[in-house]
Amino acid sequence: MKALLELLGLGGRIVEAKVALKEAQIKAKAEATLKVLDADSGWEHMAAQNAASGWADEYWTAILSVPLILAFLGYGDVIESGFASLENVPPWYTWAVLASVSFAFARKKIPDFATWVFKRR
């Protein structure tokens, strides 16, 4: 009977150890997730501060507005020709422009529309 009680006690300690290990793993994952989130929010905060005092977002807003303005001024053929020539740019250039615009507007990554752009080709 004593051996059975000792065996049950050992089993209980093993279960307690497994529970403690699982709790420690969950806590470690939660802490790692919080660190990543803190780093991301810190980057976004810094990017937003830089965007507030920078000129990159104004530059890209102006560049993206040019075709609209030219369309209203009657230069539709020039715009059409320009967009047709952009169909032949290398993918690395398209990615560079997408990244530049994305970062100018304080985004961490290129938005999902980048995949849409490359699917059209």
C-alpha atoms as a PDB file:
ATOM      1  CA  MET A   1       0.000   0.000   0.000  1.00  0.00           C
ATOM      2  CA  LYS A   2       2.861   2.334   0.841  1.00  0.00           C
ATOM      3  CA  ALA A   3       4.421   1.720  -2.594  1.00  0.00           C
ATOM      4  CA  LEU A   4       1.105   2.565  -4.266  1.00  0.00           C
ATOM      5  CA  LEU A   5       0.852   5.837  -2.343  1.00  0.00           C
ATOM      6  CA  GLU A   6       4.425   6.722  -3.278  1.00  0.00           C
ATOM      7  CA  LEU A   7       3.687   5.935  -6.910  1.00  0.00           C
ATOM      8  CA  LEU A   8       0.578   8.111  -6.827  1.00  0.00           C
ATOM      9  CA  GLY A   9       2.577  10.912  -5.178  1.00  0.00           C
ATOM     10  CA  LEU A  10       5.228  10.658  -7.868  1.00  0.00           C
ATOM     11  CA  GLY A  11       2.519  10.720 -10.543  1.00  0.00           C
ATOM     12  CA  GLY A  12       1.017  13.838  -8.972  1.00  0.00           C
ATOM     13  CA  ARG A  13       4.389  15.577  -8.983  1.00  0.00           C
ATOM     14  CA  ILE A  14       4.905  14.644 -12.632  1.00  0.00           C
ATOM     15  CA  VAL A  15       1.498  16.093 -13.533  1.00  0.00           C
ATOM     16  CA  GLU A  16       2.277  19.260 -11.539  1.00  0.00           C
ATOM     17  CA  ALA A  17       5.618  19.593 -13.325  1.00  0.00           C
ATOM     18  CA  LYS A  18       3.967  19.197 -16.739  1.00  0.00           C
ATOM     19  CA  VAL A  19       1.338  21.806 -15.855  1.00  0.00           C
ATOM     20  CA  ALA A  20       4.043  24.214 -14.634  1.00  0.00           C
ATOM     21  CA  LEU A  21       6.037  23.645 -17.844  1.00  0.00           C
ATOM     22  CA  LYS A  22       2.977  24.297 -20.006  1.00  0.00           C
ATOM     23  CA  GLU A  23       2.199  27.482 -18.042  1.00  0.00           C
ATOM     24  CA  ALA A  24       5.801  28.660 -18.473  1.00  0.00           C
ATOM     25  CA  GLN A  25       5.632  28.006 -22.227  1.00  0.00           C
ATOM     26  CA  ILE A  26       2.379  29.941 -22.548  1.00  0.00           C
ATOM     27  CA  LYS A  27       3.799  32.818 -20.488  1.00  0.00           C
ATOM     28  CA  ALA A  28       6.987  32.892 -22.622  1.00  0.00           C
ATOM     29  CA  LYS A  29       4.960  32.989 -25.853  1.00  0.00           C
ATOM     30  CA  ALA A  30       2.777  35.777 -24.485  1.00  0.00           C
ATOM     31  CA  GLU A  31       5.829  37.810 -23.447  1.00  0.00           C
ATOM     32  CA  ALA A  32       7.462  37.282 -26.854  1.00  0.00           C
ATOM     33  CA  THR A  33       4.267  38.402 -28.599  1.00  0.00           C
ATOM     34  CA  LEU A  34       4.082  41.517 -26.431  1.00  0.00           C
ATOM     35  CA  LYS A  35       7.717  42.365 -27.249  1.00  0.00           C
ATOM     36  CA  VAL A  36       7.001  42.077 -30.975  1.00  0.00           C
ATOM     37  CA  LEU A  37       3.879  44.230 -30.639  1.00  0.00           C
ATOM     38  CA  ASP A  38       5.813  46.840 -28.645  1.00  0.00           C
ATOM     39  CA  ALA A  39       8.538  46.922 -31.294  1.00  0.00           C
ATOM     40  CA  ASP A  40       5.942  47.269 -34.062  1.00  0.00           C
ATOM     41  CA  SER A  41       4.079  50.053 -32.296  1.00  0.00           C
ATOM     42  CA  GLY A  42       7.369  51.815 -31.593  1.00  0.00           C
ATOM     43  CA  TRP A  43       8.269  51.672 -35.291  1.00  0.00           C
ATOM     44  CA  GLU A  44       4.834  52.942 -36.299  1.00  0.00           C
ATOM     45  CA  HIS A  45       5.049  55.775 -33.778  1.00  0.00           C
ATOM     46  CA  MET A  46       8.505  56.780 -35.027  1.00  0.00           C
ATOM     47  CA  ALA A  47       7.376  56.547 -38.665  1.00  0.00           C
ATOM     48  CA  ALA A  48       4.316  58.682 -37.928  1.00  0.00           C
ATOM     49  CA  GLN A  49       6.483  61.320 -36.226  1.00  0.00           C
ATOM     50  CA  ASN A  50       8.874  61.346 -39.186  1.00  0.00           C
ATOM     51  CA  ALA A  51       5.965  61.574 -41.620  1.00  0.00           C
ATOM     52  CA  ALA A  52       4.586  64.564 -39.728  1.00  0.00           C
ATOM     53  CA  SER A  53       7.800  66.500 -40.188  1.00  0.00           C
ATOM     54  CA  GLY A  54       8.899  65.026 -43.520  1.00  0.00           C
ATOM     55  CA  TRP A  55       8.076  65.872 -47.103  1.00  0.00           C
ATOM     56  CA  ALA A  56       7.922  62.389 -48.645  1.00  0.00           C
ATOM     57  CA  ASP A  57       4.157  62.028 -48.256  1.00  0.00           C
ATOM     58  CA  GLU A  58       3.585  65.424 -49.870  1.00  0.00           C
ATOM     59  CA  TYR A  59       5.944  64.471 -52.707  1.00  0.00           C
ATOM     60  CA  TRP A  60       4.112  61.227 -53.465  1.00  0.00           C
ATOM     61  CA  THR A  61       0.730  62.923 -53.164  1.00  0.00           C
ATOM     62  CA  ALA A  62       1.851  65.448 -55.771  1.00  0.00           C
ATOM     63  CA  ILE A  63       3.277  62.735 -58.055  1.00  0.00           C
ATOM     64  CA  LEU A  64       0.097  60.674 -57.828  1.00  0.00           C
ATOM     65  CA  SER A  65      -2.010  63.769 -58.527  1.00  0.00           C
ATOM     66  CA  VAL A  66      -0.211  64.699 -61.757  1.00  0.00           C
ATOM     67  CA  PRO A  67      -2.169  62.269 -63.987  1.00  0.00           C
ATOM     68  CA  LEU A  68      -5.458  63.525 -62.546  1.00  0.00           C
ATOM     69  CA  ILE A  69      -4.551  67.145 -63.182  1.00  0.00           C
ATOM     70  CA  LEU A  70      -3.291  66.417 -66.699  1.00  0.00           C
ATOM     71  CA  ALA A  71      -6.489  64.502 -67.492  1.00  0.00           C
ATOM     72  CA  PHE A  72      -8.569  67.569 -66.669  1.00  0.00           C
ATOM     73  CA  LEU A  73      -6.280  69.759 -68.777  1.00  0.00           C
ATOM     74  CA  GLY A  74      -6.839  67.597 -71.866  1.00  0.00           C
ATOM     75  CA  TYR A  75      -3.618  65.592 -71.864  1.00  0.00           C
ATOM     76  CA  GLY A  76      -5.295  62.175 -71.753  1.00  0.00           C
ATOM     77  CA  ASP A  77      -3.170  60.870 -74.626  1.00  0.00           C
ATOM     78  CA  VAL A  78       0.031  61.747 -72.749  1.00  0.00           C
ATOM     79  CA  ILE A  79      -1.243  60.007 -69.612  1.00  0.00           C
ATOM     80  CA  GLU A  80      -2.287  56.939 -71.596  1.00  0.00           C
ATOM     81  CA  SER A  81       1.123  56.785 -73.257  1.00  0.00           C
ATOM     82  CA  GLY A  82       2.872  57.144 -69.914  1.00  0.00           C
ATOM     83  CA  PHE A  83       0.892  54.346 -68.288  1.00  0.00           C
ATOM     84  CA  ALA A  84       1.464  52.132 -71.322  1.00  0.00           C
ATOM     85  CA  SER A  85       5.218  52.618 -70.989  1.00  0.00           C
ATOM     86  CA  LEU A  86       5.000  51.745 -67.269  1.00  0.00           C
ATOM     87  CA  GLU A  87       3.731  48.294 -68.245  1.00  0.00           C
ATOM     88  CA  ASN A  88       7.303  47.462 -69.303  1.00  0.00           C
ATOM     89  CA  VAL A  89       9.209  48.491 -66.183  1.00  0.00           C
ATOM     90  CA  PRO A  90      11.064  45.705 -64.358  1.00  0.00           C
ATOM     91  CA  PRO A  91       9.412  44.228 -61.264  1.00  0.00           C
ATOM     92  CA  TRP A  92      12.168  45.507 -58.953  1.00  0.00           C
ATOM     93  CA  TYR A  93      11.338  49.085 -59.996  1.00  0.00           C
ATOM     94  CA  THR A  94       7.634  48.572 -59.313  1.00  0.00           C
ATOM     95  CA  TRP A  95       8.485  47.131 -55.880  1.00  0.00           C
ATOM     96  CA  ALA A  96      10.814  50.057 -55.155  1.00  0.00           C
ATOM     97  CA  VAL A  97       8.092  52.581 -55.980  1.00  0.00           C
ATOM     98  CA  LEU A  98       5.491  50.677 -53.946  1.00  0.00           C
ATOM     99  CA  ALA A  99       7.866  50.497 -50.965  1.00  0.00           C
ATOM    100  CA  SER A 100       8.708  54.181 -51.230  1.00  0.00           C
ATOM    101  CA  VAL A 101       5.069  55.234 -51.340  1.00  0.00           C
ATOM    102  CA  SER A 102       4.172  52.849 -48.543  1.00  0.00           C
ATOM    103  CA  PHE A 103       6.940  54.061 -46.243  1.00  0.00           C
ATOM    104  CA  ALA A 104       6.187  57.709 -47.051  1.00  0.00           C
ATOM    105  CA  PHE A 105       2.712  57.238 -45.653  1.00  0.00           C
ATOM    106  CA  ALA A 106       4.064  55.573 -42.452  1.00  0.00           C
ATOM    107  CA  ARG A 107       3.222  52.001 -43.329  1.00  0.00           C
ATOM    108  CA  LYS A 108       5.395  49.101 -42.234  1.00  0.00           C
ATOM    109  CA  LYS A 109       4.904  46.979 -45.266  1.00  0.00           C
ATOM    110  CA  ILE A 110       3.780  47.250 -48.811  1.00  0.00           C
ATOM    111  CA  PRO A 111       0.000  46.911 -48.866  1.00  0.00           C
ATOM    112  CA  ASP A 112      -1.659  43.823 -50.316  1.00  0.00           C
ATOM    113  CA  PHE A 113      -2.468  45.671 -53.526  1.00  0.00           C
ATOM    114  CA  ALA A 114       1.119  44.951 -54.578  1.00  0.00           C
ATOM    115  CA  THR A 115       0.139  41.353 -55.263  1.00  0.00           C
ATOM    116  CA  TRP A 116      -2.767  42.594 -57.334  1.00  0.00           C
ATOM    117  CA  VAL A 117      -0.416  44.749 -59.414  1.00  0.00           C
ATOM    118  CA  PHE A 118       1.838  41.814 -60.204  1.00  0.00           C
ATOM    119  CA  LYS A 119      -1.060  39.437 -60.943  1.00  0.00           C
ATOM    120  CA  ARG A 120      -2.164  41.761 -63.746  1.00  0.00           C
ATOM    121  CA  ARG A 121       1.118  41.266 -65.615  1.00  0.00           C
END
